[in-house]
Amino acid sequence: MFNLISLIYAAEKWQGLEGVPGEEKDVATIASLVSLFKNAVNGITAFTGVVIFIVIVIAGFTFLFSGGDAKQLEKAKHSFTYAIFGLLIIVCAYLILQLIKMFTGASVTEFNLNLK
């Protein structure tokens, strides 16, 4: 079955307590925040894409079935316009982050704690 929205876990692979005798290797540590943040961003991005798609489809159906009603036509046009503006804002934000990465060399799209 296809997963439209990825599951958000605390870590892809647990970062166990290194070098502590008798401690379990499968407990979450502060290093697990990196995976949690990455998975949360991926999940939120996928959810946002699905919501924008649904809003566009609903706006399309509202436009088709408006029956010439001016209020329904305006409602459909506004919904579609706002969905497209939301999509453009998300795409522009991503492109701005990529430009920052290209010009400065700093990877601003990756979360890293540098605990070592």
Protein backbone atom coordinates (compact mmCIF):
# COMPACT_ATOMS: atom_id res chain seq x y z
CA MET A 1 0.00 0.00 0.00
CA PHE A 2 1.22 3.49 -0.78
CA ASN A 3 2.13 5.76 2.11
CA LEU A 4 1.13 9.32 1.31
CA ILE A 5 2.33 10.69 4.61
CA SER A 6 5.50 9.35 6.17
CA LEU A 7 5.36 8.31 9.80
CA ILE A 8 7.17 10.51 12.28
CA TYR A 9 9.46 8.56 14.56
CA ALA A 10 11.84 9.87 17.18
CA ALA A 11 14.78 8.33 15.34
CA GLU A 12 15.56 6.31 12.27
CA LYS A 13 18.15 4.42 14.26
CA TRP A 14 18.44 4.97 17.98
CA GLN A 15 21.65 6.51 19.19
CA GLY A 16 22.38 4.34 22.22
CA LEU A 17 24.47 5.18 25.24
CA GLU A 18 27.99 4.56 24.00
CA GLY A 19 30.56 3.05 26.31
CA VAL A 20 28.34 2.77 29.37
CA PRO A 21 28.50 -0.82 30.65
CA GLY A 22 25.18 -2.52 31.21
CA GLU A 23 23.17 0.20 29.42
CA GLU A 24 20.80 -0.66 26.61
CA LYS A 25 21.87 0.37 23.13
CA ASP A 26 18.31 1.06 21.97
CA VAL A 27 17.34 4.04 24.11
CA ALA A 28 16.72 7.52 22.79
CA THR A 29 19.29 10.19 23.46
CA ILE A 30 19.61 13.86 22.58
CA ALA A 31 21.09 12.77 19.23
CA SER A 32 17.68 11.35 18.33
CA LEU A 33 16.39 14.90 17.90
CA VAL A 34 18.11 15.08 14.51
CA SER A 35 16.02 12.22 13.13
CA LEU A 36 12.89 13.48 14.85
CA PHE A 37 13.26 16.93 13.30
CA LYS A 38 13.99 15.51 9.84
CA ASN A 39 10.99 13.18 9.96
CA ALA A 40 8.72 15.92 11.30
CA VAL A 41 9.69 18.29 8.47
CA ASN A 42 9.12 15.56 5.88
CA GLY A 43 5.74 14.71 7.39
CA ILE A 44 4.61 18.33 7.58
CA THR A 45 5.70 18.94 3.98
CA ALA A 46 3.79 15.91 2.73
CA PHE A 47 0.71 16.90 4.75
CA THR A 48 0.86 20.45 3.35
CA GLY A 49 1.03 19.13 -0.20
CA VAL A 50 -2.00 16.91 0.36
CA VAL A 51 -3.97 19.80 1.91
CA ILE A 52 -3.15 22.12 -1.00
CA PHE A 53 -4.22 19.43 -3.47
CA ILE A 54 -7.52 18.88 -1.64
CA VAL A 55 -8.23 22.64 -1.51
CA ILE A 56 -7.61 22.92 -5.27
CA VAL A 57 -9.93 19.98 -5.98
CA ILE A 58 -12.67 21.39 -3.74
CA ALA A 59 -12.31 24.81 -5.39
CA GLY A 60 -12.64 23.14 -8.78
CA PHE A 61 -15.80 21.31 -7.79
CA THR A 62 -17.24 24.47 -6.25
CA PHE A 63 -16.51 26.31 -9.49
CA LEU A 64 -18.08 23.56 -11.62
CA PHE A 65 -21.22 23.21 -9.54
CA SER A 66 -21.77 26.90 -8.81
CA GLY A 67 -24.62 27.04 -11.28
CA GLY A 68 -23.91 30.66 -12.18
CA ASP A 69 -24.16 31.83 -8.57
CA ALA A 70 -21.78 34.79 -8.23
CA LYS A 71 -21.03 34.09 -4.56
CA GLN A 72 -20.05 30.49 -5.24
CA LEU A 73 -17.88 31.56 -8.19
CA GLU A 74 -16.07 34.11 -6.04
CA LYS A 75 -15.63 31.57 -3.24
CA ALA A 76 -14.10 29.07 -5.68
CA LYS A 77 -11.81 31.69 -7.21
CA HIS A 78 -10.59 32.86 -3.80
CA SER A 79 -9.98 29.29 -2.59
CA PHE A 80 -8.00 28.46 -5.72
CA THR A 81 -6.02 31.71 -5.53
CA TYR A 82 -5.12 31.19 -1.87
CA ALA A 83 -4.08 27.59 -2.50
CA ILE A 84 -1.78 28.68 -5.32
CA PHE A 85 -0.34 31.50 -3.18
CA GLY A 86 0.33 29.00 -0.39
CA LEU A 87 2.09 26.68 -2.81
CA LEU A 88 4.17 29.56 -4.16
CA ILE A 89 5.17 30.62 -0.64
CA ILE A 90 6.33 27.09 0.18
CA VAL A 91 8.28 26.77 -3.07
CA CYS A 92 9.84 30.24 -2.66
CA ALA A 93 10.88 29.48 0.92
CA TYR A 94 12.60 26.29 -0.25
CA LEU A 95 14.32 28.13 -3.10
CA ILE A 96 15.53 30.87 -0.74
CA LEU A 97 17.05 28.23 1.53
CA GLN A 98 18.75 26.62 -1.47
CA LEU A 99 20.13 30.02 -2.57
CA ILE A 100 21.53 30.60 0.92
CA LYS A 101 23.16 27.18 0.74
CA MET A 102 24.58 27.91 -2.72
CA PHE A 103 26.04 31.32 -1.84
CA THR A 104 27.29 30.66 1.70
CA GLY A 105 27.98 26.94 1.60
CA ALA A 106 26.10 26.53 4.88
CA SER A 107 23.65 23.67 4.77
CA VAL A 108 20.63 25.44 6.22
CA THR A 109 18.24 22.67 5.16
CA GLU A 110 19.86 20.05 7.38
CA PHE A 111 19.44 19.88 11.15
CA ASN A 112 22.65 18.88 12.94
CA LEU A 113 23.56 19.07 16.64
CA ASN A 114 27.32 18.30 16.32
CA LEU A 115 27.45 16.44 19.62
CA LYS A 116 30.73 14.69 18.93
